[in-house]
Amino acid sequence: MKNLVFTQISISEIRDLFRQELETYFKANREPEQSSEPPEQFITIREAAKLLNLTVPTMYSKVSRGELPGVMKRSKRLYFSRVELIEYLRKGRRKSNAEIEAEADKYL
């Protein structure tokens, strides 16, 4: 049996001790934080064609030439990373005349 010690402790000191114990407990037993990013989505060739506004045969020819990123093959099916296809689209963005002039002014 443990020895009991009686002391005079104020209510605020008891609250502080209790709070410290709870914080220590929850820090030790915390679950790993979930990332705020949604899991990566994989889409079929038809969905990728619709996203890129291309036909399915055009998609197959671009895949065979290695022009599209994020392509995965599982058995006889092709899957695409939606995130990588969107990045592919963004890289193809052309700058407006105003953006080109702003960069030229900045360079000069």
N, C-alpha and C. Protein backbone atom coordinates (compact mmCIF):
# COMPACT_ATOMS: atom_id res chain seq x y z
N MET A 1 0.84 -1.17 0.00
CA MET A 1 0.00 0.00 0.00
C MET A 1 0.89 1.25 0.00
N LYS A 2 0.47 2.26 -0.74
CA LYS A 2 1.24 3.49 -0.84
C LYS A 2 0.99 4.36 0.38
N ASN A 3 2.00 5.13 0.70
CA ASN A 3 1.85 6.09 1.80
C ASN A 3 1.06 7.29 1.31
N LEU A 4 0.14 7.72 2.05
CA LEU A 4 -0.65 8.90 1.73
C LEU A 4 -0.09 10.09 2.48
N VAL A 5 0.01 11.21 1.75
CA VAL A 5 0.50 12.44 2.35
C VAL A 5 -0.59 13.49 2.19
N PHE A 6 -0.96 14.09 3.24
CA PHE A 6 -1.97 15.14 3.20
C PHE A 6 -1.28 16.49 3.28
N THR A 7 -1.61 17.36 2.34
CA THR A 7 -1.08 18.72 2.35
C THR A 7 -2.20 19.68 2.04
N GLN A 8 -1.94 20.91 2.27
CA GLN A 8 -2.93 21.92 1.93
C GLN A 8 -2.57 22.49 0.57
N ILE A 9 -3.46 22.28 -0.38
CA ILE A 9 -3.27 22.79 -1.74
C ILE A 9 -4.54 23.56 -2.11
N SER A 10 -4.32 24.70 -2.73
CA SER A 10 -5.48 25.51 -3.12
C SER A 10 -6.14 24.89 -4.36
N ILE A 11 -7.34 25.31 -4.60
CA ILE A 11 -8.10 24.82 -5.75
C ILE A 11 -7.37 25.13 -7.06
N SER A 12 -6.82 26.31 -7.17
CA SER A 12 -6.11 26.70 -8.41
C SER A 12 -4.88 25.82 -8.62
N GLU A 13 -4.17 25.46 -7.54
CA GLU A 13 -3.01 24.57 -7.67
C GLU A 13 -3.44 23.17 -8.10
N ILE A 14 -4.56 22.71 -7.58
CA ILE A 14 -5.08 21.40 -7.99
C ILE A 14 -5.45 21.42 -9.47
N ARG A 15 -6.09 22.49 -9.91
CA ARG A 15 -6.45 22.62 -11.32
C ARG A 15 -5.21 22.61 -12.20
N ASP A 16 -4.16 23.36 -11.78
CA ASP A 16 -2.92 23.39 -12.55
C ASP A 16 -2.27 22.02 -12.63
N LEU A 17 -2.21 21.30 -11.52
CA LEU A 17 -1.64 19.96 -11.52
C LEU A 17 -2.44 19.01 -12.41
N PHE A 18 -3.75 19.10 -12.31
CA PHE A 18 -4.62 18.25 -13.11
C PHE A 18 -4.44 18.56 -14.60
N ARG A 19 -4.37 19.85 -14.95
CA ARG A 19 -4.17 20.28 -16.33
C ARG A 19 -2.83 19.76 -16.87
N GLN A 20 -1.77 19.86 -16.09
CA GLN A 20 -0.46 19.37 -16.50
C GLN A 20 -0.48 17.86 -16.76
N GLU A 21 -1.13 17.13 -15.88
CA GLU A 21 -1.22 15.68 -16.04
C GLU A 21 -2.00 15.31 -17.31
N LEU A 22 -3.09 16.02 -17.55
CA LEU A 22 -3.87 15.75 -18.75
C LEU A 22 -3.08 16.07 -20.02
N GLU A 23 -2.38 17.21 -20.02
CA GLU A 23 -1.57 17.56 -21.18
C GLU A 23 -0.49 16.53 -21.44
N THR A 24 0.17 16.07 -20.38
CA THR A 24 1.21 15.04 -20.52
C THR A 24 0.61 13.76 -21.08
N TYR A 25 -0.54 13.37 -20.57
CA TYR A 25 -1.19 12.14 -21.04
C TYR A 25 -1.55 12.25 -22.52
N PHE A 26 -2.17 13.36 -22.92
CA PHE A 26 -2.61 13.50 -24.30
C PHE A 26 -1.44 13.66 -25.27
N LYS A 27 -0.35 14.27 -24.85
CA LYS A 27 0.83 14.36 -25.71
C LYS A 27 1.43 12.98 -25.94
N ALA A 28 1.43 12.16 -24.92
CA ALA A 28 2.01 10.81 -25.03
C ALA A 28 1.12 9.89 -25.85
N ASN A 29 -0.17 10.10 -25.83
CA ASN A 29 -1.10 9.20 -26.51
C ASN A 29 -1.75 9.81 -27.74
N ARG A 30 -1.14 10.82 -28.28
CA ARG A 30 -1.69 11.49 -29.46
C ARG A 30 -1.55 10.60 -30.69
N GLU A 31 -2.62 10.54 -31.47
CA GLU A 31 -2.57 9.81 -32.74
C GLU A 31 -1.82 10.66 -33.74
N PRO A 32 -1.16 10.02 -34.71
CA PRO A 32 -0.46 10.81 -35.72
C PRO A 32 -1.43 11.72 -36.46
N GLU A 33 -0.98 12.93 -36.73
CA GLU A 33 -1.86 13.89 -37.38
C GLU A 33 -2.12 13.49 -38.81
N GLN A 34 -3.35 13.66 -39.22
CA GLN A 34 -3.72 13.34 -40.58
C GLN A 34 -3.35 14.53 -41.46
N SER A 35 -2.82 14.23 -42.65
CA SER A 35 -2.46 15.32 -43.54
C SER A 35 -3.74 15.97 -44.08
N SER A 36 -3.65 17.25 -44.35
CA SER A 36 -4.82 17.97 -44.83
C SER A 36 -5.03 17.75 -46.32
N GLU A 37 -4.06 17.15 -46.99
CA GLU A 37 -4.19 16.89 -48.42
C GLU A 37 -5.09 15.69 -48.65
N PRO A 38 -5.96 15.80 -49.64
CA PRO A 38 -6.78 14.62 -49.95
C PRO A 38 -5.91 13.55 -50.59
N PRO A 39 -6.29 12.28 -50.47
CA PRO A 39 -5.48 11.24 -51.10
C PRO A 39 -5.48 11.41 -52.62
N GLU A 40 -4.42 10.97 -53.23
CA GLU A 40 -4.29 11.12 -54.68
C GLU A 40 -5.36 10.31 -55.38
N GLN A 41 -5.94 10.89 -56.41
CA GLN A 41 -6.99 10.22 -57.15
C GLN A 41 -6.43 9.69 -58.46
N PHE A 42 -6.79 8.46 -58.78
CA PHE A 42 -6.41 7.87 -60.05
C PHE A 42 -7.67 7.75 -60.90
N ILE A 43 -7.52 8.09 -62.17
CA ILE A 43 -8.68 8.09 -63.04
C ILE A 43 -8.41 7.19 -64.25
N THR A 44 -9.48 6.76 -64.90
CA THR A 44 -9.37 5.90 -66.06
C THR A 44 -9.02 6.73 -67.29
N ILE A 45 -8.75 6.02 -68.39
CA ILE A 45 -8.38 6.74 -69.61
C ILE A 45 -9.54 7.57 -70.14
N ARG A 46 -10.75 7.10 -69.97
CA ARG A 46 -11.91 7.89 -70.42
C ARG A 46 -12.05 9.18 -69.61
N GLU A 47 -11.87 9.08 -68.31
CA GLU A 47 -11.95 10.27 -67.46
C GLU A 47 -10.80 11.23 -67.77
N ALA A 48 -9.61 10.68 -68.02
CA ALA A 48 -8.47 11.53 -68.36
C ALA A 48 -8.69 12.22 -69.70
N ALA A 49 -9.26 11.49 -70.67
CA ALA A 49 -9.56 12.09 -71.97
C ALA A 49 -10.55 13.23 -71.83
N LYS A 50 -11.55 13.03 -70.98
CA LYS A 50 -12.54 14.08 -70.76
C LYS A 50 -11.89 15.29 -70.08
N LEU A 51 -11.01 15.03 -69.11
CA LEU A 51 -10.32 16.12 -68.41
C LEU A 51 -9.45 16.94 -69.36
N LEU A 52 -8.75 16.26 -70.28
CA LEU A 52 -7.85 16.94 -71.21
C LEU A 52 -8.56 17.38 -72.49
N ASN A 53 -9.84 17.02 -72.62
CA ASN A 53 -10.62 17.34 -73.81
C ASN A 53 -9.98 16.71 -75.06
N LEU A 54 -9.62 15.44 -74.95
CA LEU A 54 -9.04 14.69 -76.06
C LEU A 54 -9.87 13.43 -76.27
N THR A 55 -9.68 12.78 -77.42
CA THR A 55 -10.35 11.50 -77.64
C THR A 55 -9.51 10.39 -77.03
N VAL A 56 -10.15 9.25 -76.80
CA VAL A 56 -9.45 8.11 -76.20
C VAL A 56 -8.32 7.62 -77.12
N PRO A 57 -8.52 7.51 -78.45
CA PRO A 57 -7.39 7.10 -79.31
C PRO A 57 -6.21 8.08 -79.25
N THR A 58 -6.50 9.37 -79.13
CA THR A 58 -5.43 10.36 -78.99
C THR A 58 -4.68 10.14 -77.67
N MET A 59 -5.41 9.81 -76.64
CA MET A 59 -4.77 9.53 -75.35
C MET A 59 -3.82 8.34 -75.47
N TYR A 60 -4.28 7.27 -76.13
CA TYR A 60 -3.42 6.09 -76.30
C TYR A 60 -2.15 6.44 -77.09
N SER A 61 -2.28 7.27 -78.12
CA SER A 61 -1.09 7.63 -78.90
C SER A 61 -0.15 8.52 -78.09
N LYS A 62 -0.69 9.42 -77.27
CA LYS A 62 0.16 10.26 -76.43
C LYS A 62 0.88 9.41 -75.37
N VAL A 63 0.19 8.40 -74.83
CA VAL A 63 0.81 7.51 -73.85
C VAL A 63 1.94 6.73 -74.50
N SER A 64 1.71 6.20 -75.71
CA SER A 64 2.75 5.41 -76.38
C SER A 64 3.96 6.25 -76.73
N ARG A 65 3.77 7.55 -76.99
CA ARG A 65 4.90 8.45 -77.28
C ARG A 65 5.52 9.02 -76.01
N GLY A 66 4.93 8.73 -74.84
CA GLY A 66 5.47 9.20 -73.58
C GLY A 66 5.23 10.67 -73.31
N GLU A 67 4.17 11.22 -73.86
CA GLU A 67 3.89 12.65 -73.72
C GLU A 67 3.08 12.99 -72.47
N LEU A 68 2.43 12.01 -71.87
CA LEU A 68 1.58 12.29 -70.72
C LEU A 68 2.23 11.80 -69.43
N PRO A 69 2.17 12.60 -68.37
CA PRO A 69 2.74 12.19 -67.09
C PRO A 69 1.74 11.38 -66.26
N GLY A 70 2.25 10.70 -65.27
CA GLY A 70 1.39 10.03 -64.29
C GLY A 70 0.62 8.85 -64.82
N VAL A 71 1.18 8.13 -65.80
CA VAL A 71 0.49 6.98 -66.38
C VAL A 71 0.93 5.72 -65.65
N MET A 72 -0.06 4.91 -65.26
CA MET A 72 0.22 3.63 -64.62
C MET A 72 -0.59 2.56 -65.32
N LYS A 73 0.02 1.41 -65.49
CA LYS A 73 -0.69 0.32 -66.15
C LYS A 73 -0.86 -0.82 -65.16
N ARG A 74 -2.07 -1.28 -65.03
CA ARG A 74 -2.38 -2.41 -64.16
C ARG A 74 -3.16 -3.40 -65.03
N SER A 75 -2.58 -4.55 -65.28
CA SER A 75 -3.10 -5.55 -66.22
C SER A 75 -3.28 -4.88 -67.58
N LYS A 76 -4.48 -4.83 -68.10
CA LYS A 76 -4.68 -4.23 -69.42
C LYS A 76 -5.24 -2.82 -69.36
N ARG A 77 -5.30 -2.25 -68.17
CA ARG A 77 -5.92 -0.94 -68.00
C ARG A 77 -4.87 0.13 -67.70
N LEU A 78 -5.16 1.33 -68.16
CA LEU A 78 -4.31 2.48 -67.88
C LEU A 78 -5.01 3.36 -66.86
N TYR A 79 -4.23 3.85 -65.92
CA TYR A 79 -4.73 4.79 -64.92
C TYR A 79 -3.83 6.01 -64.92
N PHE A 80 -4.41 7.15 -64.59
CA PHE A 80 -3.68 8.41 -64.60
C PHE A 80 -3.82 9.11 -63.26
N SER A 81 -2.76 9.79 -62.88
CA SER A 81 -2.81 10.61 -61.68
C SER A 81 -3.48 11.93 -62.04
N ARG A 82 -4.60 12.21 -61.40
CA ARG A 82 -5.34 13.44 -61.68
C ARG A 82 -4.49 14.68 -61.39
N VAL A 83 -3.73 14.62 -60.30
CA VAL A 83 -2.88 15.76 -59.90
C VAL A 83 -1.82 16.04 -60.96
N GLU A 84 -1.18 14.98 -61.46
CA GLU A 84 -0.13 15.17 -62.46
C GLU A 84 -0.69 15.65 -63.79
N LEU A 85 -1.89 15.21 -64.15
CA LEU A 85 -2.50 15.71 -65.39
C LEU A 85 -2.85 17.19 -65.27
N ILE A 86 -3.32 17.61 -64.12
CA ILE A 86 -3.63 19.03 -63.93
C ILE A 86 -2.35 19.86 -63.98
N GLU A 87 -1.26 19.36 -63.40
CA GLU A 87 0.03 20.06 -63.49
C GLU A 87 0.49 20.13 -64.95
N TYR A 88 0.28 19.06 -65.69
CA TYR A 88 0.62 19.01 -67.12
C TYR A 88 -0.12 20.11 -67.87
N LEU A 89 -1.40 20.30 -67.54
CA LEU A 89 -2.18 21.36 -68.17
C LEU A 89 -1.66 22.74 -67.79
N ARG A 90 -1.30 22.91 -66.53
CA ARG A 90 -0.81 24.22 -66.07
C ARG A 90 0.52 24.59 -66.72
N LYS A 91 1.38 23.61 -66.95
CA LYS A 91 2.67 23.90 -67.57
C LYS A 91 2.51 24.39 -69.00
N GLY A 92 1.42 23.99 -69.64
CA GLY A 92 1.17 24.40 -71.02
C GLY A 92 0.53 25.76 -71.13
N ARG A 93 0.31 26.41 -70.02
CA ARG A 93 -0.33 27.73 -70.01
C ARG A 93 0.57 28.75 -70.66
N ARG A 94 0.00 29.55 -71.51
CA ARG A 94 0.77 30.62 -72.15
C ARG A 94 0.55 31.92 -71.40
N LYS A 95 1.58 32.72 -71.37
CA LYS A 95 1.49 34.01 -70.67
C LYS A 95 0.80 35.03 -71.56
N SER A 96 0.06 35.94 -70.93
CA SER A 96 -0.60 37.00 -71.68
C SER A 96 0.43 38.06 -72.06
N ASN A 97 0.05 38.92 -72.98
CA ASN A 97 0.95 40.00 -73.40
C ASN A 97 1.31 40.90 -72.22
N ALA A 98 0.36 41.14 -71.35
CA ALA A 98 0.63 41.99 -70.18
C ALA A 98 1.67 41.33 -69.27
N GLU A 99 1.58 40.01 -69.08
CA GLU A 99 2.56 39.31 -68.25
C GLU A 99 3.95 39.33 -68.89
N ILE A 100 3.99 39.17 -70.20
CA ILE A 100 5.28 39.20 -70.92
C ILE A 100 5.91 40.59 -70.80
N GLU A 101 5.09 41.64 -70.98
CA GLU A 101 5.60 43.01 -70.87
C GLU A 101 6.07 43.30 -69.45
N ALA A 102 5.35 42.81 -68.44
CA ALA A 102 5.74 43.02 -67.03
C ALA A 102 7.08 42.34 -66.77
N GLU A 103 7.28 41.13 -67.29
CA GLU A 103 8.56 40.46 -67.10
C GLU A 103 9.69 41.19 -67.82
N ALA A 104 9.40 41.72 -69.01
CA ALA A 104 10.41 42.47 -69.75
C ALA A 104 10.80 43.73 -69.00
N ASP A 105 9.80 44.45 -68.45
CA ASP A 105 10.09 45.66 -67.68
C ASP A 105 10.89 45.32 -66.43
N LYS A 106 10.57 44.23 -65.79
CA LYS A 106 11.28 43.81 -64.59
C LYS A 106 12.73 43.45 -64.91
N TYR A 107 12.93 42.80 -66.06
CA TYR A 107 14.27 42.41 -66.49
C TYR A 107 15.13 43.63 -66.82
N LEU A 108 14.51 44.60 -67.48
CA LEU A 108 15.25 45.81 -67.89
C LEU A 108 15.39 46.73 -66.70
